[in-house]
Amino acid sequence: MTINRRHFLSMTGATALVAVCSPQALATSARAQQPPKKAPSALKNLQKFARHKVRFLGYPINMNTPPEEFFAWRNELAAAGLNQFAFNNVGNPYTHSHIPFNCHPFERELIDRFGALYGFPSGNIWGFLSNSGTDSNLHGLYMGRTILHNRTGVLPKIYFTKEAHYSIQILRDVLQLEPVIVGTKPGGAMDTDDLERQLNIHRNHPALVVATIGTTFKGAIDPVDAIQEKLRNRDAYLHLDAALFGGFLPHTPFAGELQQQARDPLSGRMLNRYDSIAVSCHKFFGFPSPAGLFITTEANFDLFREPFSRIHDPEYIKQVPGTITCSRDAVKPAEFYFFSSDKALARQAADAKAILDNTAYLLKEMNNHYSFLRPVRANDHSNIVYFITPLKMVVNRYSLATMQLDIDGVPTPCAHIVVMPHAKKETLDQFLTDLRTTG
């Protein structure tokens, strides 16, 4: 509110005070007194990031800009009112919400589409879009913990390997679960013989097992069917952390790794291979901000809903939400809905082929020219190559992640490259050239 002197003097004292001390008046006054500022340095730093994003090879994030159609879709959502005022996806997206300002229809459809991609049975899918892959893991572990505790009266122990993502260690602590660290095979996959030994030691406790489909550093894949065989006739819940690989494996010859059901060769019945899955949206897909898919069966949700309803008072929102988080982002599900279209899935299939082809190319070239770095690809499903750490300049230039690994019994500093859709052959060739010129 801008006022002149005559107008000010005609006001009462209180009215004048409010007029000149309102945030709008103060901001207007400040703008009048201060010259325009140059763009802050932080903004300039943002502008230079785009020039270097193709060299980002050490972490599993797709740095490609989404297609123009994605931004057109964003504009359509904004024109319809989404993100123009407060929307909230609070509650169960598969149940009527008393709060109408939500995008549950988009959320349900994208969960159903991806659930079908992962082989969940039609009509037996439940899930939602979370804040991140870690958030999806949290919901999977909490659901498993709640179901098993309710069924047996005993808190489960949580089983995972040292190769599992560090979020599992954090969530284990948050949920106050006693960990059982399972051994691994040389390539980093879970050793199911050791799993069986550990299960027998802790036979009086139900088992909450986390299988990693694409371990963080090596890209190893825990064997789901072999794990499930060890869990037969036990009180158990199997959650898959497929943060990165869950994005591209469904579009490859290895799609069976993530199929939620398989036919029993003896009975012919369809059996569940796992209970829930977590997939990150910002990794393979290239969604511009962290988000995650959490998908389970409706049958599991029903088992979870009853004990959860004893913890959460549903009267305020007139439903049992089924989620740990109360208010939930309504913008991300509507935006990520774009990535579930037939055209987007076809683009993902092309990207999946490209990253596996480029990973094979990188491994071949490193073995041909830099075998002394001992390059390894854990399996042909993986888009990760790890090797002895090169010079610091190369590590910094390509933002390579580094870890100590055991090589021939000796702790050895190692690095890895995660071949994402933005890592074209030209970038990999430049990396190989830098290895030579700095070696």
Protein backbone atom coordinates (compact mmCIF):
# COMPACT_ATOMS: atom_id res chain seq x y z
CA MET A 1 0.00 0.00 0.00
CA THR A 2 1.54 3.35 -1.10
CA ILE A 3 0.25 6.49 0.67
CA ASN A 4 1.02 10.20 0.42
CA ARG A 5 1.46 12.63 3.30
CA ARG A 6 -2.09 14.09 3.12
CA HIS A 7 -3.61 10.60 3.11
CA PHE A 8 -1.43 9.60 6.06
CA LEU A 9 -2.44 12.60 8.16
CA SER A 10 -6.12 11.90 7.52
CA MET A 11 -5.84 8.42 9.05
CA THR A 12 -6.30 7.45 12.67
CA GLY A 13 -3.10 6.55 14.48
CA ALA A 14 -3.71 2.80 14.42
CA THR A 15 -4.69 2.79 10.75
CA ALA A 16 -1.63 4.79 9.80
CA LEU A 17 0.63 2.45 11.77
CA VAL A 18 -0.78 -0.62 10.02
CA ALA A 19 -0.46 1.07 6.64
CA VAL A 20 3.19 1.98 6.95
CA CYS A 21 4.28 -1.14 8.83
CA SER A 22 2.55 -3.75 6.69
CA PRO A 23 4.95 -6.16 4.90
CA GLN A 24 3.83 -4.78 1.54
CA ALA A 25 4.46 -1.19 2.57
CA LEU A 26 7.84 -2.03 4.06
CA ALA A 27 8.86 -3.96 0.95
CA THR A 28 7.72 -1.11 -1.32
CA SER A 29 9.66 1.41 0.75
CA ALA A 30 12.77 -0.75 0.72
CA ARG A 31 12.61 -1.16 -3.04
CA ALA A 32 12.30 2.59 -3.47
CA GLN A 33 15.40 3.27 -1.38
CA GLN A 34 17.70 0.54 -2.72
CA PRO A 35 19.12 0.24 -6.23
CA PRO A 36 18.45 -3.01 -8.10
CA LYS A 37 20.88 -5.75 -7.11
CA LYS A 38 22.83 -7.91 -9.50
CA ALA A 39 21.97 -11.60 -9.70
CA PRO A 40 23.40 -13.34 -6.63
CA SER A 41 26.48 -15.47 -7.06
CA ALA A 42 24.47 -18.58 -6.19
CA LEU A 43 22.31 -18.00 -9.26
CA LYS A 44 25.40 -17.61 -11.44
CA ASN A 45 26.71 -20.90 -10.08
CA LEU A 46 23.45 -22.58 -11.06
CA GLN A 47 23.83 -21.28 -14.59
CA LYS A 48 27.22 -22.94 -15.05
CA PHE A 49 26.10 -26.37 -13.84
CA ALA A 50 24.41 -27.21 -17.14
CA ARG A 51 27.79 -27.04 -18.93
CA HIS A 52 29.31 -29.70 -16.69
CA LYS A 53 26.44 -32.12 -16.13
CA VAL A 54 27.57 -34.58 -18.84
CA ARG A 55 30.73 -35.26 -16.79
CA PHE A 56 28.75 -36.34 -13.75
CA LEU A 57 29.59 -40.07 -13.81
CA GLY A 58 30.04 -41.15 -10.20
CA TYR A 59 26.44 -41.23 -8.94
CA PRO A 60 23.17 -42.73 -10.22
CA ILE A 61 21.35 -39.60 -11.39
CA ASN A 62 20.10 -39.06 -14.93
CA MET A 63 21.28 -35.55 -15.82
CA ASN A 64 19.39 -35.34 -19.11
CA THR A 65 16.82 -32.57 -19.32
CA PRO A 66 13.34 -34.10 -19.63
CA PRO A 67 11.70 -33.71 -23.05
CA GLU A 68 9.80 -30.55 -23.94
CA GLU A 69 6.54 -32.45 -23.56
CA PHE A 70 7.24 -32.79 -19.83
CA PHE A 71 7.44 -29.02 -19.38
CA ALA A 72 4.32 -28.61 -21.52
CA TRP A 73 2.60 -31.07 -19.16
CA ARG A 74 3.76 -28.98 -16.20
CA ASN A 75 2.21 -25.93 -17.83
CA GLU A 76 -1.06 -27.80 -18.36
CA LEU A 77 -1.14 -28.73 -14.69
CA ALA A 78 -0.46 -25.12 -13.69
CA ALA A 79 -3.16 -23.85 -16.04
CA ALA A 80 -5.58 -26.26 -14.37
CA GLY A 81 -4.65 -24.77 -10.97
CA LEU A 82 -2.15 -27.31 -9.61
CA ASN A 83 0.67 -25.60 -7.70
CA GLN A 84 -1.20 -22.29 -7.87
CA PHE A 85 -2.60 -22.77 -4.37
CA ALA A 86 -2.34 -25.44 -1.67
CA PHE A 87 -2.88 -29.02 -2.80
CA ASN A 88 -2.28 -31.98 -0.48
CA ASN A 89 -2.22 -35.72 -1.20
CA VAL A 90 -2.77 -36.60 2.45
CA GLY A 91 -4.10 -40.10 2.98
CA ASN A 92 -4.60 -43.29 1.02
CA PRO A 93 -4.78 -42.53 -2.72
CA TYR A 94 -7.03 -45.58 -3.22
CA THR A 95 -9.71 -44.29 -0.82
CA HIS A 96 -12.00 -41.26 -1.06
CA SER A 97 -10.36 -38.24 0.52
CA HIS A 98 -12.29 -35.78 2.64
CA ILE A 99 -9.77 -33.16 1.46
CA PRO A 100 -10.65 -32.65 -2.20
CA PHE A 101 -7.59 -30.65 -3.26
CA ASN A 102 -5.41 -33.58 -4.30
CA CYS A 103 -4.14 -35.44 -7.36
CA HIS A 104 -4.97 -38.96 -6.14
CA PRO A 105 -6.38 -39.99 -9.55
CA PHE A 106 -2.97 -39.34 -11.17
CA GLU A 107 -1.20 -41.09 -8.30
CA ARG A 108 -3.41 -44.20 -8.48
CA GLU A 109 -3.00 -44.52 -12.22
CA LEU A 110 0.78 -44.18 -12.23
CA ILE A 111 1.08 -46.73 -9.37
CA ASP A 112 -1.19 -49.13 -11.26
CA ARG A 113 0.86 -48.69 -14.46
CA PHE A 114 4.21 -49.24 -12.80
CA GLY A 115 2.74 -52.03 -10.69
CA ALA A 116 1.76 -53.80 -13.91
CA LEU A 117 5.28 -53.22 -15.24
CA TYR A 118 6.66 -55.00 -12.17
CA GLY A 119 4.23 -57.88 -12.57
CA PHE A 120 1.89 -57.14 -9.67
CA PRO A 121 -1.48 -58.84 -10.27
CA SER A 122 -4.23 -56.61 -11.62
CA GLY A 123 -6.57 -55.54 -8.86
CA ASN A 124 -4.03 -56.36 -6.16
CA ILE A 125 -1.82 -53.25 -6.19
CA TRP A 126 -1.39 -50.56 -3.57
CA GLY A 127 1.17 -47.79 -3.23
CA PHE A 128 1.92 -44.11 -3.58
CA LEU A 129 4.56 -41.65 -4.74
CA SER A 130 6.94 -40.90 -1.87
CA ASN A 131 9.45 -38.14 -1.22
CA SER A 132 12.46 -40.29 -2.17
CA GLY A 133 13.80 -43.82 -2.50
CA THR A 134 14.70 -43.73 1.20
CA ASP A 135 11.12 -42.73 2.04
CA SER A 136 9.88 -45.69 -0.01
CA ASN A 137 12.30 -48.00 1.83
CA LEU A 138 11.04 -46.62 5.14
CA HIS A 139 7.44 -47.45 4.26
CA GLY A 140 8.40 -50.94 3.09
CA LEU A 141 10.33 -51.71 6.27
CA TYR A 142 7.65 -50.19 8.51
CA MET A 143 4.92 -52.16 6.75
CA GLY A 144 6.91 -55.39 7.06
CA ARG A 145 7.74 -54.71 10.71
CA THR A 146 4.08 -53.97 11.53
CA ILE A 147 2.66 -57.01 9.72
CA LEU A 148 5.18 -59.42 11.25
CA HIS A 149 4.85 -58.01 14.75
CA ASN A 150 1.07 -58.14 14.55
CA ARG A 151 1.12 -61.71 13.25
CA THR A 152 3.60 -63.15 15.75
CA GLY A 153 3.74 -60.77 18.71
CA VAL A 154 7.52 -60.66 18.26
CA LEU A 155 9.53 -57.87 16.64
CA PRO A 156 11.36 -59.13 13.56
CA LYS A 157 15.06 -58.97 13.01
CA ILE A 158 16.12 -57.20 9.84
CA TYR A 159 18.44 -58.98 7.40
CA PHE A 160 20.57 -57.17 4.80
CA THR A 161 24.12 -57.21 3.48
CA LYS A 162 26.98 -54.77 3.93
CA GLU A 163 26.47 -53.88 0.24
CA ALA A 164 22.95 -52.54 0.91
CA HIS A 165 22.34 -48.81 0.63
CA TYR A 166 23.28 -46.83 3.73
CA SER A 167 19.65 -45.75 4.13
CA ILE A 168 18.84 -49.28 5.33
CA GLN A 169 21.24 -48.84 8.26
CA ILE A 170 19.60 -45.53 9.16
CA LEU A 171 16.06 -46.90 8.88
CA ARG A 172 17.02 -49.94 10.93
CA ASP A 173 17.99 -47.57 13.72
CA VAL A 174 14.85 -45.43 13.31
CA LEU A 175 12.63 -48.53 13.56
CA GLN A 176 14.68 -49.96 16.46
CA LEU A 177 15.22 -53.29 14.72
CA GLU A 178 18.10 -55.60 15.54
CA PRO A 179 20.22 -56.07 12.41
CA VAL A 180 21.55 -59.33 11.05
CA ILE A 181 24.27 -58.69 8.47
CA VAL A 182 24.27 -61.43 5.84
CA GLY A 183 27.45 -62.36 4.02
CA THR A 184 27.96 -61.80 0.30
CA LYS A 185 29.39 -63.65 -2.66
CA PRO A 186 32.60 -62.23 -4.21
CA GLY A 187 30.59 -60.09 -6.65
CA GLY A 188 28.59 -58.49 -3.86
CA ALA A 189 25.29 -60.43 -4.05
CA MET A 190 23.71 -61.89 -0.93
CA ASP A 191 25.02 -65.32 0.07
CA THR A 192 21.79 -67.26 0.59
CA ASP A 193 23.59 -70.09 2.36
CA ASP A 194 24.69 -67.59 4.99
CA LEU A 195 21.15 -66.19 5.06
CA GLU A 196 19.87 -69.67 5.88
CA ARG A 197 22.46 -70.06 8.66
CA GLN A 198 21.46 -66.72 10.17
CA LEU A 199 17.76 -67.53 9.91
CA ASN A 200 18.34 -70.77 11.80
CA ILE A 201 20.26 -68.96 14.54
CA HIS A 202 17.37 -66.51 14.98
CA ARG A 203 14.56 -68.98 14.34
CA ASN A 204 12.42 -67.54 17.17
CA HIS A 205 12.13 -64.18 15.44
CA PRO A 206 10.29 -63.33 12.23
CA ALA A 207 12.52 -62.14 9.39
CA LEU A 208 12.30 -58.78 7.64
CA VAL A 209 14.64 -59.21 4.67
CA VAL A 210 15.91 -56.43 2.38
CA ALA A 211 17.12 -57.60 -1.01
CA THR A 212 19.04 -55.06 -3.07
CA ILE A 213 18.51 -55.09 -6.82
CA GLY A 214 21.62 -53.18 -7.86
CA THR A 215 23.87 -52.56 -4.88
CA THR A 216 25.09 -49.01 -4.43
CA PHE A 217 28.75 -49.35 -5.37
CA LYS A 218 29.15 -52.65 -7.24
CA GLY A 219 25.76 -53.09 -8.90
CA ALA A 220 25.27 -56.60 -7.53
CA ILE A 221 21.81 -58.19 -7.51
CA ASP A 222 20.56 -60.20 -4.55
CA PRO A 223 18.91 -63.43 -5.79
CA VAL A 224 15.21 -62.98 -5.03
CA ASP A 225 14.06 -66.53 -5.79
CA ALA A 226 16.88 -68.12 -3.79
CA ILE A 227 16.11 -65.80 -0.87
CA GLN A 228 12.43 -66.65 -1.05
CA GLU A 229 13.30 -70.35 -1.01
CA LYS A 230 15.16 -69.85 2.28
CA LEU A 231 12.14 -67.98 3.69
CA ARG A 232 9.67 -70.73 2.87
CA ASN A 233 7.59 -71.82 5.91
CA ARG A 234 8.95 -68.94 7.97
CA ASP A 235 7.26 -65.75 9.17
CA ALA A 236 8.94 -63.32 6.78
CA TYR A 237 8.50 -60.19 4.69
CA LEU A 238 10.76 -59.50 1.69
CA HIS A 239 11.29 -55.91 0.55
CA LEU A 240 13.23 -54.98 -2.59
CA ASP A 241 15.38 -51.89 -2.74
CA ALA A 242 15.54 -51.36 -6.51
CA ALA A 243 16.24 -47.63 -6.40
CA LEU A 244 18.24 -47.47 -9.66
CA PHE A 245 17.82 -50.82 -11.40
CA GLY A 246 14.06 -50.75 -10.86
CA GLY A 247 13.89 -47.97 -13.43
CA PHE A 248 15.55 -49.72 -16.37
CA LEU A 249 15.44 -53.51 -15.82
CA PRO A 250 11.75 -53.83 -16.83
CA HIS A 251 12.78 -52.67 -20.33
CA THR A 252 15.56 -55.24 -20.74
CA PRO A 253 15.82 -59.02 -21.22
CA PHE A 254 16.31 -59.13 -17.42
CA ALA A 255 12.80 -57.87 -16.59
CA GLY A 256 12.07 -61.13 -14.77
CA GLU A 257 14.30 -60.00 -11.88
CA LEU A 258 11.56 -57.59 -10.79
CA GLN A 259 8.41 -59.57 -11.57
CA GLN A 260 6.41 -59.69 -8.38
CA GLN A 261 4.90 -63.10 -9.19
CA ALA A 262 6.13 -66.33 -10.71
CA ARG A 263 4.39 -69.61 -11.48
CA ASP A 264 5.19 -72.54 -9.21
CA PRO A 265 6.41 -75.30 -11.56
CA LEU A 266 4.89 -78.01 -9.32
CA SER A 267 1.46 -76.62 -8.46
CA GLY A 268 1.06 -74.21 -11.36
CA ARG A 269 -0.08 -71.51 -8.91
CA MET A 270 1.20 -67.96 -9.06
CA LEU A 271 3.39 -67.22 -6.06
CA ASN A 272 4.60 -63.88 -4.70
CA ARG A 273 8.35 -63.43 -5.17
CA TYR A 274 8.51 -60.40 -2.85
CA ASP A 275 6.19 -58.19 -0.79
CA SER A 276 7.09 -54.61 -1.70
CA ILE A 277 9.45 -52.60 -3.86
CA ALA A 278 11.08 -49.15 -3.70
CA VAL A 279 12.24 -47.35 -6.86
CA SER A 280 13.71 -43.85 -7.13
CA CYS A 281 12.17 -41.44 -9.64
CA HIS A 282 15.17 -39.10 -9.92
CA LYS A 283 17.70 -41.77 -10.84
CA PHE A 284 17.06 -43.61 -14.11
CA PHE A 285 13.91 -41.68 -15.06
CA GLY A 286 15.50 -38.26 -14.75
CA PHE A 287 12.66 -36.67 -12.77
CA PRO A 288 13.98 -33.23 -11.78
CA SER A 289 13.63 -33.64 -8.01
CA PRO A 290 13.87 -36.51 -5.50
CA ALA A 291 10.82 -38.79 -5.39
CA GLY A 292 10.16 -42.50 -5.10
CA LEU A 293 7.70 -45.22 -5.99
CA PHE A 294 6.46 -47.48 -3.22
CA ILE A 295 4.42 -50.44 -4.44
CA THR A 296 3.03 -53.44 -2.59
CA THR A 297 -0.06 -55.63 -2.86
CA GLU A 298 -3.48 -54.59 -1.71
CA ALA A 299 -3.50 -57.81 0.35
CA ASN A 300 -0.39 -56.63 2.23
CA PHE A 301 -1.95 -53.22 2.77
CA ASP A 302 -5.03 -54.87 4.26
CA LEU A 303 -2.80 -56.83 6.67
CA PHE A 304 -1.04 -53.59 7.59
CA ARG A 305 -4.13 -51.40 7.82
CA GLU A 306 -5.70 -53.00 10.90
CA PRO A 307 -2.70 -52.75 13.28
CA PHE A 308 -1.80 -49.36 11.80
CA SER A 309 -5.32 -48.09 12.60
CA ARG A 310 -4.64 -48.80 16.29
CA ILE A 311 -1.64 -46.44 16.12
CA HIS A 312 -3.11 -43.71 13.96
CA ASP A 313 -6.41 -42.01 14.86
CA PRO A 314 -8.18 -41.73 11.49
CA GLU A 315 -11.13 -39.60 12.64
CA TYR A 316 -9.56 -36.25 11.75
CA ILE A 317 -9.21 -37.06 8.04
CA LYS A 318 -11.98 -39.69 8.00
CA GLN A 319 -9.76 -42.56 6.80
CA VAL A 320 -6.76 -44.69 7.75
CA PRO A 321 -4.05 -43.19 5.53
CA GLY A 322 -1.63 -46.09 5.38
CA THR A 323 1.34 -43.76 5.08
CA ILE A 324 3.82 -42.61 7.72
CA THR A 325 3.88 -39.13 6.25
CA CYS A 326 0.62 -37.23 6.78
CA SER A 327 0.60 -34.28 4.40
CA ARG A 328 2.06 -35.46 1.10
CA ASP A 329 3.24 -33.65 -2.00
CA ALA A 330 0.46 -33.44 -4.58
CA VAL A 331 2.57 -31.82 -7.30
CA LYS A 332 5.14 -34.59 -7.77
CA PRO A 333 2.65 -37.40 -8.47
CA ALA A 334 0.87 -35.31 -11.08
CA GLU A 335 4.18 -34.40 -12.71
CA PHE A 336 5.63 -37.91 -12.55
CA TYR A 337 2.44 -39.23 -14.13
CA PHE A 338 4.05 -38.04 -17.39
CA PHE A 339 6.69 -40.78 -17.05
CA SER A 340 4.06 -43.53 -17.03
CA SER A 341 2.71 -42.82 -20.53
CA ASP A 342 3.29 -45.26 -23.41
CA LYS A 343 5.56 -42.75 -25.14
CA ALA A 344 7.60 -42.22 -21.97
CA LEU A 345 7.94 -45.97 -21.43
CA ALA A 346 9.21 -46.35 -25.00
CA ARG A 347 11.80 -43.63 -24.32
CA GLN A 348 12.84 -45.46 -21.14
CA ALA A 349 13.30 -48.67 -23.13
CA ALA A 350 15.65 -46.87 -25.53
CA ASP A 351 17.58 -45.37 -22.61
CA ALA A 352 17.83 -48.78 -20.92
CA LYS A 353 19.37 -50.36 -24.01
CA ALA A 354 21.77 -47.43 -24.43
CA ILE A 355 23.11 -47.52 -20.87
CA LEU A 356 23.74 -51.28 -20.93
CA ASP A 357 25.42 -51.04 -24.35
CA ASN A 358 27.58 -48.14 -23.16
CA THR A 359 28.49 -49.97 -19.96
CA ALA A 360 29.68 -52.97 -21.97
CA TYR A 361 31.68 -50.61 -24.20
CA LEU A 362 33.32 -48.88 -21.21
CA LEU A 363 34.28 -52.19 -19.61
CA LYS A 364 35.76 -53.49 -22.86
CA GLU A 365 37.84 -50.34 -23.45
CA MET A 366 39.08 -50.26 -19.86
CA ASN A 367 40.11 -53.91 -20.05
CA ASN A 368 41.87 -53.28 -23.38
CA HIS A 369 43.80 -50.21 -22.28
CA TYR A 370 43.69 -49.94 -18.48
CA SER A 371 43.56 -53.49 -17.19
CA PHE A 372 45.94 -52.47 -14.40
CA LEU A 373 42.97 -50.61 -12.86
CA ARG A 374 41.20 -54.00 -12.52
CA PRO A 375 37.81 -52.89 -13.95
CA VAL A 376 34.84 -55.04 -12.89
CA ARG A 377 31.18 -55.23 -13.89
CA ALA A 378 29.28 -57.32 -11.36
CA ASN A 379 26.86 -58.75 -13.95
CA ASP A 380 25.45 -58.02 -17.39
CA HIS A 381 22.35 -56.46 -15.80
CA SER A 382 24.46 -53.67 -14.33
CA ASN A 383 25.27 -50.17 -15.57
CA ILE A 384 28.15 -49.84 -13.08
CA VAL A 385 31.88 -50.42 -13.66
CA TYR A 386 34.20 -50.20 -10.66
CA PHE A 387 38.00 -50.11 -10.65
CA ILE A 388 41.09 -49.02 -8.71
CA THR A 389 40.92 -45.29 -8.07
CA PRO A 390 42.68 -43.20 -10.76
CA LEU A 391 44.39 -39.86 -10.16
CA LYS A 392 42.58 -37.28 -8.04
CA MET A 393 42.13 -34.97 -11.04
CA VAL A 394 40.04 -37.61 -12.82
CA VAL A 395 38.07 -38.39 -9.66
CA ASN A 396 37.20 -34.71 -9.21
CA ARG A 397 36.57 -33.94 -12.88
CA TYR A 398 33.96 -36.72 -13.15
CA SER A 399 32.66 -36.60 -9.55
CA LEU A 400 33.56 -40.26 -9.03
CA ALA A 401 32.40 -41.97 -5.86
CA THR A 402 35.20 -43.80 -4.05
CA MET A 403 35.33 -46.62 -1.49
CA GLN A 404 37.83 -49.04 0.00
CA LEU A 405 37.30 -52.52 -1.46
CA ASP A 406 39.06 -55.78 -0.76
CA ILE A 407 41.15 -56.82 -3.78
CA ASP A 408 43.10 -60.05 -3.33
CA GLY A 409 42.87 -59.61 0.42
CA VAL A 410 44.23 -56.06 0.35
CA PRO A 411 42.07 -52.98 1.19
CA THR A 412 42.29 -50.91 -2.01
CA PRO A 413 40.83 -47.47 -2.85
CA CYS A 414 38.35 -47.93 -5.70
CA ALA A 415 36.05 -45.73 -7.76
CA HIS A 416 33.09 -46.44 -9.99
CA ILE A 417 31.25 -45.06 -12.98
CA VAL A 418 27.47 -45.31 -13.17
CA VAL A 419 26.53 -45.15 -16.85
CA MET A 420 23.32 -43.12 -16.89
CA PRO A 421 21.39 -41.92 -19.97
CA HIS A 422 23.37 -38.66 -20.13
CA ALA A 423 26.70 -40.56 -20.25
CA LYS A 424 27.01 -40.87 -24.02
CA LYS A 425 29.85 -42.66 -25.76
CA GLU A 426 31.59 -39.33 -26.40
CA THR A 427 31.76 -38.61 -22.66
CA LEU A 428 33.06 -42.09 -21.91
CA ASP A 429 35.72 -41.66 -24.62
CA GLN A 430 36.79 -38.39 -23.00
CA PHE A 431 37.03 -40.16 -19.65
CA LEU A 432 39.22 -42.86 -21.22
CA THR A 433 41.41 -40.18 -22.80
CA ASP A 434 41.80 -38.43 -19.45
CA LEU A 435 42.89 -41.71 -17.89
CA ARG A 436 45.67 -41.92 -20.47
CA THR A 437 46.84 -38.30 -20.37
CA THR A 438 46.91 -38.15 -16.58
CA GLY A 439 48.31 -41.65 -16.00
